[in-house]
């Protein structure tokens, strides 16, 4: 559906007249969609202007077709299989019911008469077209896929039945399927763990490890050897840790980079494969979950020609992804950008990237010193780990360079005293740091099985199955109407989310802008609590408040926010 068609339907629906979706906002998104060659529908969903279900219903009414939510429809396998997966995927269609009147067909473009006639000819019955959103169809398409463990079991049967001399080919197939399955299931890591009697395969999906399959222990060494060959590691080294990289093609033809770590443990050699999909490189600041006000502060911070922009949080909180999103915006032909990273997670065209190498004594500090002699405009330091790196980074920020980096702290305000702990003078911190971003990742509610729920509020406390949470009433009622219960959302579990209730992750943020008031506190060596209090007075949204805002919007659950903020 063209962007102009979507705009026309939205205006005719009257939604732009009642303040829910002002016409000027629609015009802004349309202009952005045209500039970036994006679909207007996707931008409306990504910016949290309207939910997928609500927008789909409006478009269906505008087109004059009945609307179906596949995530809430029971689809029999024999009906699903009427349309081959490859056709369904390409044409954005899905068969969901065979009735006496004909085959009910969910279509992202129900006006496509050609595909309707094609299906009628193939099936031999009439087609009843329904409108379904493209996201809903893509999510429901997961029903086609076999369970990962069943796929691996099928390959194992080949190992058992084939002769020993052909077993090597089956190991190749097994490792290939592990990589493809990990990518298909949107895993960030694949763990291959040896135990006394077997080998455990686990996938980390949305930050949580899931047991996928158990393989016979006799296959373990062959699997590890295959991974070493692909990663160009020493196959005869079994007693020391090794790191490497490999690549493979996904089922969609996308090149996926894999970072490989192999370490010896009691049961043998354990391998962890970090999947670095190119899709992660395409994240914008909006995609990461930054609100409009916070995004403006970040943009203001990196728009200055010098100073520091710091992303903070524990390991696995998405700091590097956030910095990459900023680097992508700043990457222009007239700008010289250099990075020092450990490891280089994504190759970015047009940027000079240096890999830390302990064997050659190429540390963050030494690499950063070398970069400064390369006439850079912007420098990305993968992580500030020690006093020497902090000192050089601050000096670079003070001498006309924009420095981007990450730091391990619990919140945005703690970043400033943390630099002081690294022997950086307060006046240098106050004059060089532009903005500090603290973040955590929370799982998003599965759109296929999302349902509303109620949780109890009692004397400023939210009562949930996961525990009791004390909330400032001013913050609580900013996002929820007053009452004894709160209307929130949760995933009821379905095949699409692997019965977890969650699909994908988003960030919750607090962005501390170093204002004149904050500078005075830094110079006075104030602690993080005082700095946080001042920043909140000046309008900073805390991570918890940002999480509460996303709970109210139906993006995540209160339990996820509690889990993330406590860490």
Protein backbone atom coordinates (compact mmCIF):
# COMPACT_ATOMS: atom_id res chain seq x y z
CA UNK A 1 0.00 0.00 0.00
CA UNK A 2 1.45 3.36 -1.01
CA UNK A 3 2.28 5.99 1.62
CA UNK A 4 -0.17 8.44 0.03
CA UNK A 5 -2.95 5.83 0.21
CA UNK A 6 -2.26 5.26 3.92
CA UNK A 7 -2.30 9.02 4.55
CA UNK A 8 -5.58 9.41 2.66
CA UNK A 9 -7.30 6.63 4.64
CA UNK A 10 -6.10 8.04 7.97
CA UNK A 11 -7.38 11.53 7.16
CA UNK A 12 -10.74 10.18 5.94
CA UNK A 13 -11.08 8.09 9.12
CA UNK A 14 -11.10 11.31 11.19
CA UNK A 15 -8.32 10.15 13.51
CA UNK A 16 -6.25 13.24 12.67
CA UNK A 17 -9.06 15.48 13.95
CA UNK A 18 -9.38 14.28 17.56
CA UNK A 19 -5.84 14.86 18.85
CA UNK A 20 -4.83 11.17 18.86
CA UNK A 21 -2.76 11.56 15.71
CA UNK A 22 -2.50 15.25 14.67
CA UNK A 23 -2.24 15.91 10.94
CA UNK A 24 1.06 17.81 11.33
CA UNK A 25 2.57 14.68 12.94
CA UNK A 26 1.26 12.58 10.04
CA UNK A 27 2.83 15.02 7.57
CA UNK A 28 6.17 14.84 9.43
CA UNK A 29 6.19 11.04 9.30
CA UNK A 30 5.21 11.03 5.62
CA UNK A 31 8.08 13.41 4.81
CA UNK A 32 10.50 11.20 6.77
CA UNK A 33 9.20 8.07 5.02
CA UNK A 34 9.75 9.62 1.60
CA UNK A 35 13.26 10.85 2.50
CA UNK A 36 14.37 7.47 3.88
CA UNK A 37 12.43 5.43 1.31
CA UNK A 38 10.50 3.81 4.16
CA UNK A 39 6.93 2.59 4.48
CA UNK A 40 4.70 5.08 6.34
CA UNK A 41 2.89 2.22 8.09
CA UNK A 42 6.16 0.95 9.64
CA UNK A 43 7.13 4.43 10.86
CA UNK A 44 3.76 4.98 12.56
CA UNK A 45 4.19 1.71 14.48
CA UNK A 46 7.87 2.28 15.30
CA UNK A 47 7.18 5.74 16.70
CA UNK A 48 4.43 4.33 18.95
CA UNK A 49 1.85 6.70 17.45
CA UNK A 50 -0.72 3.93 16.94
CA UNK A 51 -0.69 0.23 17.80
CA UNK A 52 -0.53 -2.31 14.98
CA UNK A 53 -4.02 -3.69 15.72
CA UNK A 54 -5.66 -0.25 15.80
CA UNK A 55 -3.93 1.00 12.65
CA UNK A 56 -4.78 -2.23 10.82
CA UNK A 57 -8.45 -1.88 11.69
CA UNK A 58 -8.56 1.71 10.35
CA UNK A 59 -6.88 0.68 7.08
CA UNK A 60 -9.22 -2.32 6.63
CA UNK A 61 -12.28 -0.08 7.02
CA UNK A 62 -10.78 2.44 4.59
CA UNK A 63 -10.16 -0.27 2.00
CA UNK A 64 -13.60 -1.80 2.50
CA UNK A 65 -12.43 -5.29 3.49
CA UNK A 66 -13.10 -7.33 6.66
CA UNK A 67 -10.25 -7.27 9.18
CA UNK A 68 -8.64 -10.31 10.80
CA UNK A 69 -6.16 -10.51 13.66
CA UNK A 70 -4.25 -13.73 12.94
CA UNK A 71 -2.62 -13.70 16.36
CA UNK A 72 -6.06 -14.23 17.90
CA UNK A 73 -7.25 -16.77 15.32
CA UNK A 74 -6.83 -20.53 15.61
CA UNK A 75 -5.34 -21.75 12.32
CA UNK A 76 -5.42 -25.47 11.48
CA UNK A 77 -2.19 -26.82 10.00
CA UNK A 78 -4.01 -28.38 7.02
CA UNK A 79 -5.45 -24.95 6.16
CA UNK A 80 -2.12 -23.17 6.67
CA UNK A 81 -0.36 -25.59 4.32
CA UNK A 82 -2.78 -24.87 1.43
CA UNK A 83 -0.51 -21.94 0.55
CA UNK A 84 3.20 -22.96 0.40
CA UNK A 85 5.38 -20.99 2.82
CA UNK A 86 7.55 -19.50 0.06
CA UNK A 87 4.44 -18.12 -1.72
CA UNK A 88 2.88 -16.85 1.53
CA UNK A 89 6.11 -15.10 2.50
CA UNK A 90 6.65 -13.47 -0.89
CA UNK A 91 3.05 -12.34 -1.44
CA UNK A 92 2.32 -11.42 2.22
CA UNK A 93 -0.73 -13.70 2.40
CA UNK A 94 -1.86 -16.48 4.75
CA UNK A 95 -4.74 -18.98 4.57
CA UNK A 96 -6.51 -19.08 7.95
CA UNK A 97 -9.90 -20.79 7.43
CA UNK A 98 -11.62 -23.02 4.87
CA UNK A 99 -15.36 -22.38 5.05
CA UNK A 100 -18.29 -23.59 2.90
CA UNK A 101 -18.19 -20.19 1.17
CA UNK A 102 -14.50 -20.46 0.22
CA UNK A 103 -10.94 -20.03 1.49
CA UNK A 104 -10.50 -17.10 3.88
CA UNK A 105 -7.23 -15.43 2.93
CA UNK A 106 -5.42 -12.82 5.04
CA UNK A 107 -3.70 -10.33 2.74
CA UNK A 108 -1.51 -7.29 3.31
CA UNK A 109 -2.91 -6.03 -0.01
CA UNK A 110 -6.46 -7.42 -0.43
CA UNK A 111 -6.89 -5.30 -3.58
CA UNK A 112 -4.38 -7.55 -5.39
CA UNK A 113 -6.80 -9.37 -7.73
CA UNK A 114 -4.00 -11.22 -9.51
CA UNK A 115 -2.87 -13.12 -6.41
CA UNK A 116 -6.49 -13.87 -5.45
CA UNK A 117 -7.10 -15.42 -8.87
CA UNK A 118 -3.85 -17.39 -8.59
CA UNK A 119 -4.93 -18.88 -5.24
CA UNK A 120 -8.45 -19.66 -6.52
CA UNK A 121 -6.97 -21.51 -9.50
CA UNK A 122 -4.59 -23.49 -7.29
CA UNK A 123 -7.11 -24.41 -4.58
CA UNK A 124 -10.18 -24.83 -6.78
CA UNK A 125 -12.46 -22.81 -4.50
CA UNK A 126 -13.33 -19.14 -4.20
CA UNK A 127 -11.18 -16.79 -2.12
CA UNK A 128 -12.63 -14.49 0.54
CA UNK A 129 -10.05 -11.69 1.03
CA UNK A 130 -9.42 -10.24 4.50
CA UNK A 131 -7.06 -7.42 5.41
CA UNK A 132 -4.30 -8.28 7.90
CA UNK A 133 -1.28 -6.18 8.79
CA UNK A 134 2.04 -7.22 7.32
CA UNK A 135 3.49 -7.61 10.82
CA UNK A 136 0.62 -9.86 11.86
CA UNK A 137 1.13 -12.03 8.76
CA UNK A 138 4.89 -12.23 9.36
CA UNK A 139 4.35 -13.25 12.99
CA UNK A 140 1.75 -15.87 12.05
CA UNK A 141 4.15 -17.25 9.42
CA UNK A 142 6.15 -18.70 12.32
CA UNK A 143 3.54 -21.48 12.36
CA UNK A 144 5.18 -22.87 9.20
CA UNK A 145 8.47 -23.42 10.90
CA UNK A 146 9.45 -26.68 12.48
CA UNK A 147 10.63 -26.65 16.06
CA UNK A 148 14.42 -26.19 16.26
CA UNK A 149 14.93 -29.28 18.40
CA UNK A 150 12.95 -31.41 15.90
CA UNK A 151 15.14 -30.15 13.07
CA UNK A 152 18.28 -31.07 15.01
CA UNK A 153 16.78 -34.47 15.87
CA UNK A 154 16.21 -35.11 12.16
CA UNK A 155 19.90 -34.42 11.47
CA UNK A 156 20.92 -36.65 14.36
CA UNK A 157 19.00 -39.50 12.81
CA UNK A 158 21.19 -39.05 9.74
CA UNK A 159 24.28 -39.34 11.96
CA UNK A 160 22.98 -42.63 13.33
CA UNK A 161 21.90 -44.13 10.01
CA UNK A 162 24.77 -42.95 7.76
CA UNK A 163 28.09 -44.77 7.64
CA UNK A 164 31.05 -43.38 9.57
CA UNK A 165 32.89 -42.14 6.47
CA UNK A 166 29.99 -39.82 5.57
CA UNK A 167 29.53 -38.56 9.11
CA UNK A 168 31.69 -35.48 8.53
CA UNK A 169 29.17 -34.11 6.02
CA UNK A 170 26.40 -34.52 8.58
CA UNK A 171 28.42 -32.53 11.17
CA UNK A 172 28.75 -29.74 8.59
CA UNK A 173 24.98 -29.85 8.12
CA UNK A 174 24.39 -29.87 11.88
CA UNK A 175 26.57 -26.76 12.48
CA UNK A 176 24.93 -25.00 9.52
CA UNK A 177 21.48 -25.75 10.97
CA UNK A 178 22.56 -24.45 14.40
CA UNK A 179 23.58 -21.12 12.84
CA UNK A 180 20.47 -20.85 10.66
CA UNK A 181 18.15 -21.82 13.53
CA UNK A 182 19.82 -19.34 15.87
CA UNK A 183 19.37 -16.54 13.35
CA UNK A 184 15.82 -17.63 12.49
CA UNK A 185 14.84 -17.53 16.15
CA UNK A 186 16.47 -14.08 16.59
CA UNK A 187 19.07 -15.40 19.04
CA UNK A 188 21.90 -13.13 20.10
CA UNK A 189 24.09 -16.05 21.27
CA UNK A 190 24.36 -19.80 20.71
CA UNK A 191 25.89 -21.77 23.60
CA UNK A 192 27.41 -25.23 22.95
CA UNK A 193 28.16 -26.65 26.38
CA UNK A 194 29.84 -30.03 27.07
CA UNK A 195 28.80 -32.13 30.08
CA UNK A 196 29.78 -35.59 31.26
CA UNK A 197 27.30 -37.56 29.11
CA UNK A 198 25.96 -35.09 26.53
CA UNK A 199 26.23 -31.65 24.95
CA UNK A 200 23.63 -28.95 25.67
CA UNK A 201 22.61 -26.42 23.01
CA UNK A 202 21.12 -23.16 24.34
CA UNK A 203 19.96 -20.03 22.51
CA UNK A 204 19.83 -16.60 24.14
CA UNK A 205 16.61 -15.01 22.88
CA UNK A 206 15.60 -11.55 24.08
CA UNK A 207 18.22 -11.75 26.82
CA UNK A 208 17.05 -15.11 28.24
CA UNK A 209 18.75 -18.48 27.67
CA UNK A 210 16.53 -21.30 26.36
CA UNK A 211 17.50 -24.98 26.22
CA UNK A 212 17.06 -26.06 22.60
CA UNK A 213 18.49 -29.56 22.25
CA UNK A 214 20.69 -32.20 23.85
CA UNK A 215 23.24 -33.89 21.57
CA UNK A 216 25.32 -37.06 22.15
CA UNK A 217 28.68 -36.22 23.76
CA UNK A 218 30.56 -38.21 21.07
CA UNK A 219 29.63 -35.49 18.53
CA UNK A 220 30.95 -32.60 20.63
CA UNK A 221 34.60 -32.60 19.49
CA UNK A 222 33.54 -32.82 15.82
CA UNK A 223 31.17 -29.85 16.23
CA UNK A 224 33.85 -27.74 17.93
CA UNK A 225 36.40 -28.69 15.25
CA UNK A 226 33.99 -27.61 12.52
CA UNK A 227 33.46 -24.25 14.25
CA UNK A 228 37.24 -23.80 14.62
CA UNK A 229 37.77 -24.48 10.91
CA UNK A 230 35.09 -21.92 9.96
CA UNK A 231 36.63 -19.38 12.38
CA UNK A 232 40.24 -20.07 11.26
CA UNK A 233 41.28 -21.12 14.77
CA UNK A 234 43.84 -23.76 15.79
CA UNK A 235 42.12 -27.15 15.65
CA UNK A 236 44.90 -28.83 17.66
CA UNK A 237 44.70 -26.36 20.57
CA UNK A 238 42.39 -27.62 23.33
CA UNK A 239 43.82 -26.15 26.55
CA UNK A 240 43.64 -22.38 26.00
CA UNK A 241 40.92 -19.89 25.08
CA UNK A 242 40.55 -18.85 21.45
CA UNK A 243 38.55 -16.05 19.80
CA UNK A 244 37.62 -15.79 16.15
CA UNK A 245 35.04 -14.73 13.58
CA UNK A 246 33.01 -16.44 10.86
CA UNK A 247 30.22 -15.51 8.46
CA UNK A 248 27.23 -17.32 7.01
CA UNK A 249 24.27 -16.51 4.77
CA UNK A 250 20.84 -16.42 6.40
CA UNK A 251 17.76 -17.92 4.74
CA UNK A 252 16.93 -14.40 3.49
CA UNK A 253 20.37 -14.09 1.85
CA UNK A 254 21.74 -11.67 4.48
CA UNK A 255 25.37 -11.98 5.57
CA UNK A 256 25.53 -12.62 9.32
CA UNK A 257 28.79 -12.03 11.22
CA UNK A 258 29.49 -14.40 14.10
CA UNK A 259 31.93 -13.73 16.92
CA UNK A 260 33.29 -17.03 18.25
CA UNK A 261 34.64 -17.64 21.76
CA UNK A 262 35.97 -21.09 22.74
CA UNK A 263 37.20 -21.82 26.27
CA UNK A 264 38.25 -25.10 27.93
CA UNK A 265 36.01 -26.18 30.84
CA UNK A 266 35.84 -29.39 32.86
CA UNK A 267 33.65 -31.28 30.37
CA UNK A 268 35.59 -30.20 27.27
CA UNK A 269 35.62 -27.05 25.14
CA UNK A 270 32.65 -24.70 25.39
CA UNK A 271 31.76 -22.49 22.43
CA UNK A 272 29.67 -19.33 22.50
CA UNK A 273 28.70 -17.87 19.14
CA UNK A 274 27.55 -14.22 19.14
CA UNK A 275 25.33 -13.55 16.11
CA UNK A 276 25.78 -10.02 14.77
CA UNK A 277 23.03 -9.57 12.20
CA UNK A 278 23.21 -6.62 9.81
CA UNK A 279 19.66 -5.76 10.97
CA UNK A 280 21.12 -4.57 14.27
CA UNK A 281 23.22 -2.01 12.38
CA UNK A 282 20.07 -0.47 10.94
CA UNK A 283 18.72 0.66 14.31
CA UNK A 284 17.98 4.37 14.57
CA UNK A 285 17.73 6.21 17.88
CA UNK A 286 13.94 6.00 17.57
CA UNK A 287 14.08 2.24 17.02
CA UNK A 288 16.05 1.81 20.25
CA UNK A 289 13.15 3.22 22.26
CA UNK A 290 14.34 6.76 23.03
CA UNK A 291 11.49 9.18 23.72
CA UNK A 292 11.29 12.48 21.82
CA UNK A 293 12.60 14.65 24.69
CA UNK A 294 15.49 12.29 25.46
CA UNK A 295 16.33 12.01 21.77
CA UNK A 296 16.55 15.78 21.50
CA UNK A 297 19.03 15.88 24.42
CA UNK A 298 21.17 13.17 22.79
CA UNK A 299 21.09 14.94 19.42
CA UNK A 300 22.10 18.20 21.11
CA UNK A 301 24.99 16.36 22.78
CA UNK A 302 26.46 14.83 19.63
CA UNK A 303 25.76 17.89 17.47
CA UNK A 304 28.50 19.82 19.29
CA UNK A 305 31.92 19.70 17.53
CA UNK A 306 33.68 18.63 20.73
CA UNK A 307 32.98 17.04 24.12
CA UNK A 308 31.92 13.58 25.27
CA UNK A 309 28.77 11.52 24.82
CA UNK A 310 28.74 8.52 27.18
CA UNK A 311 26.45 5.48 27.12
CA UNK A 312 26.37 3.66 30.46
CA UNK A 313 24.93 0.49 31.92
CA UNK A 314 25.88 -3.11 32.74
CA UNK A 315 27.08 -5.68 30.20
CA UNK A 316 24.35 -6.58 27.73
CA UNK A 317 22.30 -3.40 28.19
CA UNK A 318 22.69 -2.23 24.58
CA UNK A 319 25.29 0.52 25.15
CA UNK A 320 27.34 -0.28 22.05
CA UNK A 321 24.23 -0.50 19.85
CA UNK A 322 23.21 2.98 21.02
CA UNK A 323 26.64 4.41 20.19
CA UNK A 324 26.59 2.71 16.78
CA UNK A 325 23.24 4.39 16.10
CA UNK A 326 24.86 7.77 16.83
CA UNK A 327 27.93 6.91 14.73
CA UNK A 328 25.65 6.02 11.81
CA UNK A 329 24.05 9.48 11.98
CA UNK A 330 27.45 11.23 12.16
CA UNK A 331 29.02 9.17 9.36
CA UNK A 332 29.39 11.63 6.47
CA UNK A 333 32.04 11.90 3.72
CA UNK A 334 33.40 15.20 5.07
CA UNK A 335 34.00 13.78 8.56
CA UNK A 336 36.90 11.56 9.69
CA UNK A 337 35.62 9.00 12.22
CA UNK A 338 37.98 6.55 13.95
CA UNK A 339 37.18 3.84 16.50
CA UNK A 340 39.11 1.65 18.92
CA UNK A 341 37.03 -1.38 19.94
CA UNK A 342 37.29 -4.75 21.66
CA UNK A 343 36.03 -6.43 19.58
CA UNK A 344 34.93 -4.60 16.42
CA UNK A 345 31.33 -5.82 16.37
CA UNK A 346 30.18 -4.32 13.07
CA UNK A 347 32.18 -3.24 10.05
CA UNK A 348 30.96 0.22 9.02
CA UNK A 349 31.86 1.56 5.60
CA UNK A 350 33.69 4.89 5.64
CA UNK A 351 34.98 4.54 9.23
CA UNK A 352 38.50 3.61 10.39
CA UNK A 353 38.08 0.85 12.96
CA UNK A 354 40.91 -0.50 15.13
CA UNK A 355 40.72 -3.81 16.99
CA UNK A 356 42.30 -4.00 20.47
CA UNK A 357 45.02 -6.69 20.47
CA UNK A 358 46.61 -7.71 23.78
CA UNK A 359 49.22 -9.87 21.99
CA UNK A 360 50.70 -6.81 20.28
CA UNK A 361 50.08 -4.59 23.34
CA UNK A 362 47.51 -2.55 21.37
CA UNK A 363 45.37 -1.41 24.30
CA UNK A 364 42.53 1.13 24.38
CA UNK A 365 44.92 3.77 25.68
CA UNK A 366 47.66 3.13 23.08
CA UNK A 367 45.14 2.80 20.25
CA UNK A 368 43.47 6.04 21.29
CA UNK A 369 46.83 7.79 21.35
CA UNK A 370 47.53 6.59 17.80
CA UNK A 371 44.07 7.67 16.60
CA UNK A 372 44.71 11.24 17.80
CA UNK A 373 47.65 11.42 15.37
CA UNK A 374 45.33 10.44 12.50
CA UNK A 375 43.53 13.83 12.38
CA UNK A 376 40.09 12.54 13.49
CA UNK A 377 36.96 14.65 13.92
CA UNK A 378 35.03 12.02 15.88
CA UNK A 379 36.42 9.21 18.02
CA UNK A 380 34.57 6.16 19.33
CA UNK A 381 36.30 4.44 22.26
CA UNK A 382 34.65 1.05 22.81
CA UNK A 383 34.94 1.29 26.59
CA UNK A 384 36.67 3.49 29.17
CA UNK A 385 38.19 0.86 31.46
CA UNK A 386 41.10 2.56 33.20
CA UNK A 387 42.60 5.88 34.29
CA UNK A 388 44.94 6.14 31.30
CA UNK A 389 42.14 5.68 28.72
CA UNK A 390 39.88 8.10 30.63
CA UNK A 391 42.60 10.75 30.74
CA UNK A 392 43.35 10.55 27.00
CA UNK A 393 39.62 10.54 26.12
CA UNK A 394 38.93 13.61 28.26
CA UNK A 395 41.95 15.38 26.76
CA UNK A 396 40.70 14.57 23.24
CA UNK A 397 37.25 15.94 24.09
CA UNK A 398 38.86 19.13 25.40
CA UNK A 399 40.96 19.68 22.26
CA UNK A 400 38.27 19.87 19.60
CA UNK A 401 37.19 16.24 19.14
CA UNK A 402 33.77 14.66 19.69
CA UNK A 403 34.35 11.51 21.76
CA UNK A 404 31.79 8.72 22.04
CA UNK A 405 32.30 5.94 24.56
CA UNK A 406 30.72 3.49 27.01
CA UNK A 407 31.15 3.10 30.75
CA UNK A 408 29.93 0.60 33.35
CA UNK A 409 27.74 2.50 35.83
CA UNK A 410 24.29 1.92 37.33
CA UNK A 411 22.69 5.20 36.27
CA UNK A 412 23.43 8.39 34.37
CA UNK A 413 24.39 10.51 37.38
CA UNK A 414 26.93 7.95 38.68
CA UNK A 415 28.90 8.43 35.44
CA UNK A 416 30.27 11.76 36.65
CA UNK A 417 31.67 10.64 40.05
CA UNK A 418 32.94 7.48 38.30
CA UNK A 419 35.18 9.60 36.07
CA UNK A 420 36.36 11.43 39.17
CA UNK A 421 37.31 8.03 40.66
CA UNK A 422 39.53 7.59 37.58
CA UNK A 423 41.55 10.63 38.72
CA UNK A 424 39.91 13.07 36.29
CA UNK A 425 39.71 16.60 37.74
CA UNK A 426 36.11 17.81 38.35
CA UNK A 427 36.60 20.95 36.22
CA UNK A 428 37.64 18.73 33.27
CA UNK A 429 34.57 16.50 33.69
CA UNK A 430 32.27 19.52 33.96
CA UNK A 431 33.64 21.15 30.82
CA UNK A 432 34.00 18.06 28.60
CA UNK A 433 30.99 15.76 29.16
CA UNK A 434 27.98 16.81 27.04
CA UNK A 435 25.50 14.09 27.91
CA UNK A 436 25.36 10.75 29.78
CA UNK A 437 22.88 8.08 28.69
CA UNK A 438 21.99 5.25 31.07
CA UNK A 439 20.00 2.32 29.73
CA UNK A 440 18.63 -1.18 30.26
CA UNK A 441 16.91 -3.62 27.91
CA UNK A 442 13.40 -4.92 28.56
CA UNK A 443 11.48 -7.55 26.61
CA UNK A 444 8.55 -6.37 24.51
CA UNK A 445 5.11 -7.95 24.86
CA UNK A 446 4.35 -10.37 22.02
CA UNK A 447 1.96 -8.58 19.62
CA UNK A 448 0.36 -11.90 18.66
CA UNK A 449 -0.96 -12.73 22.13
CA UNK A 450 -1.11 -9.33 23.86
CA UNK A 451 -3.98 -9.00 26.33
CA UNK A 452 -4.99 -6.41 28.88
CA UNK A 453 -4.69 -7.18 32.57
CA UNK A 454 -5.24 -5.41 35.89
CA UNK A 455 -2.78 -4.95 38.73
CA UNK A 456 -3.59 -3.58 42.15
CA UNK A 457 -2.44 -0.24 43.57
CA UNK A 458 -2.48 0.24 47.33
CA UNK A 459 -1.15 3.32 49.19
CA UNK A 460 1.40 4.28 46.54
CA UNK A 461 2.46 0.66 46.01
CA UNK A 462 1.92 -1.47 42.89
CA UNK A 463 1.09 -5.08 43.81
CA UNK A 464 2.16 -7.57 41.12
CA UNK A 465 2.86 -11.33 41.06
CA UNK A 466 6.55 -10.39 40.83
CA UNK A 467 6.53 -8.33 44.02
CA UNK A 468 5.58 -4.98 45.56
CA UNK A 469 6.85 -1.77 44.01
CA UNK A 470 6.77 1.65 45.72
CA UNK A 471 6.03 4.43 43.25
CA UNK A 472 5.90 8.21 43.66
CA UNK A 473 2.18 9.00 43.10
CA UNK A 474 3.11 12.02 40.94
CA UNK A 475 5.04 9.74 38.56
CA UNK A 476 2.42 6.97 38.65
CA UNK A 477 -0.57 9.18 37.87
CA UNK A 478 1.37 10.92 35.12
CA UNK A 479 0.89 7.78 33.02
CA UNK A 480 -2.08 6.01 34.64
CA UNK A 481 -5.49 7.37 35.71
CA UNK A 482 -6.17 7.38 39.46
CA UNK A 483 -7.86 4.25 40.77
CA UNK A 484 -7.41 1.11 42.83
CA UNK A 485 -6.25 -0.90 39.80
CA UNK A 486 -4.05 -0.20 36.78
CA UNK A 487 -4.95 -1.38 33.28
CA UNK A 488 -1.75 -2.84 31.81
CA UNK A 489 -0.87 -5.42 29.14
CA UNK A 490 0.76 -8.84 29.06
CA UNK A 491 1.45 -11.68 26.63
CA UNK A 492 -0.75 -14.73 27.12
CA UNK A 493 1.87 -16.95 25.35
CA UNK A 494 1.55 -18.42 21.86
CA UNK A 495 3.69 -20.29 19.28
CA UNK A 496 4.97 -16.99 17.84
CA UNK A 497 6.69 -16.02 21.13
CA UNK A 498 7.65 -19.63 21.95
CA UNK A 499 5.15 -19.42 24.85
CA UNK A 500 7.17 -16.75 26.68
CA UNK A 501 4.76 -13.84 26.15
CA UNK A 502 7.58 -11.67 24.77
CA UNK A 503 9.10 -10.97 21.34
CA UNK A 504 12.07 -8.64 20.87
CA UNK A 505 13.51 -6.02 23.22
CA UNK A 506 13.54 -2.27 23.60
CA UNK A 507 15.49 0.13 25.77
CA UNK A 508 14.48 2.14 28.80
CA UNK A 509 16.61 5.25 29.22
CA UNK A 510 17.57 8.20 31.34
CA UNK A 511 19.48 10.98 29.61
CA UNK A 512 21.42 13.41 31.78
CA UNK A 513 22.32 16.63 30.00
CA UNK A 514 25.23 18.48 31.61
CA UNK A 515 23.61 21.87 32.20
CA UNK A 516 25.12 24.84 34.09
CA UNK A 517 23.37 23.60 37.25
CA UNK A 518 24.85 20.10 36.89
CA UNK A 519 28.30 21.60 36.19
CA UNK A 520 28.20 23.46 39.50
CA UNK A 521 27.45 20.21 41.34
CA UNK A 522 30.30 18.39 39.55
CA UNK A 523 32.71 21.18 40.53
CA UNK A 524 31.46 20.88 44.12
CA UNK A 525 32.14 17.10 44.00
CA UNK A 526 28.48 16.29 44.73
CA UNK A 527 27.49 12.63 44.95
CA UNK A 528 25.26 10.87 42.39
CA UNK A 529 22.08 11.19 44.50
CA UNK A 530 22.33 14.99 44.60
CA UNK A 531 23.13 15.11 40.86
CA UNK A 532 20.13 12.85 40.09
CA UNK A 533 17.80 15.01 42.19
CA UNK A 534 18.96 18.16 40.38
CA UNK A 535 18.64 16.50 36.95
CA UNK A 536 15.07 15.36 37.72
CA UNK A 537 14.20 18.90 38.82
CA UNK A 538 15.49 20.09 35.45
CA UNK A 539 13.30 17.60 33.59
CA UNK A 540 15.27 14.34 33.38
CA UNK A 541 13.12 11.22 33.05
CA UNK A 542 14.54 8.35 35.11
CA UNK A 543 14.87 4.83 33.71
CA UNK A 544 12.04 3.64 35.92
CA UNK A 545 9.75 6.44 34.75
CA UNK A 546 10.61 5.70 31.12
CA UNK A 547 9.81 2.04 31.82
CA UNK A 548 6.48 3.01 33.40
CA UNK A 549 5.67 5.06 30.29
CA UNK A 550 6.31 1.99 28.11
CA UNK A 551 4.14 -0.15 30.42
CA UNK A 552 1.27 2.31 29.99
CA UNK A 553 1.69 2.14 26.20
CA UNK A 554 1.53 -1.66 26.19
CA UNK A 555 5.14 -2.05 25.06
CA UNK A 556 6.36 -4.08 28.05
CA UNK A 557 5.26 -5.31 31.49
CA UNK A 558 5.80 -3.90 34.97
CA UNK A 559 7.65 -7.13 35.90
CA UNK A 560 10.17 -6.54 33.09
CA UNK A 561 10.79 -2.97 34.23
CA UNK A 562 11.26 -4.11 37.84
CA UNK A 563 13.71 -6.80 36.71
CA UNK A 564 15.71 -4.40 34.55
CA UNK A 565 15.91 -1.45 36.93
CA UNK A 566 16.96 -3.64 39.86
CA UNK A 567 19.99 -4.93 37.92
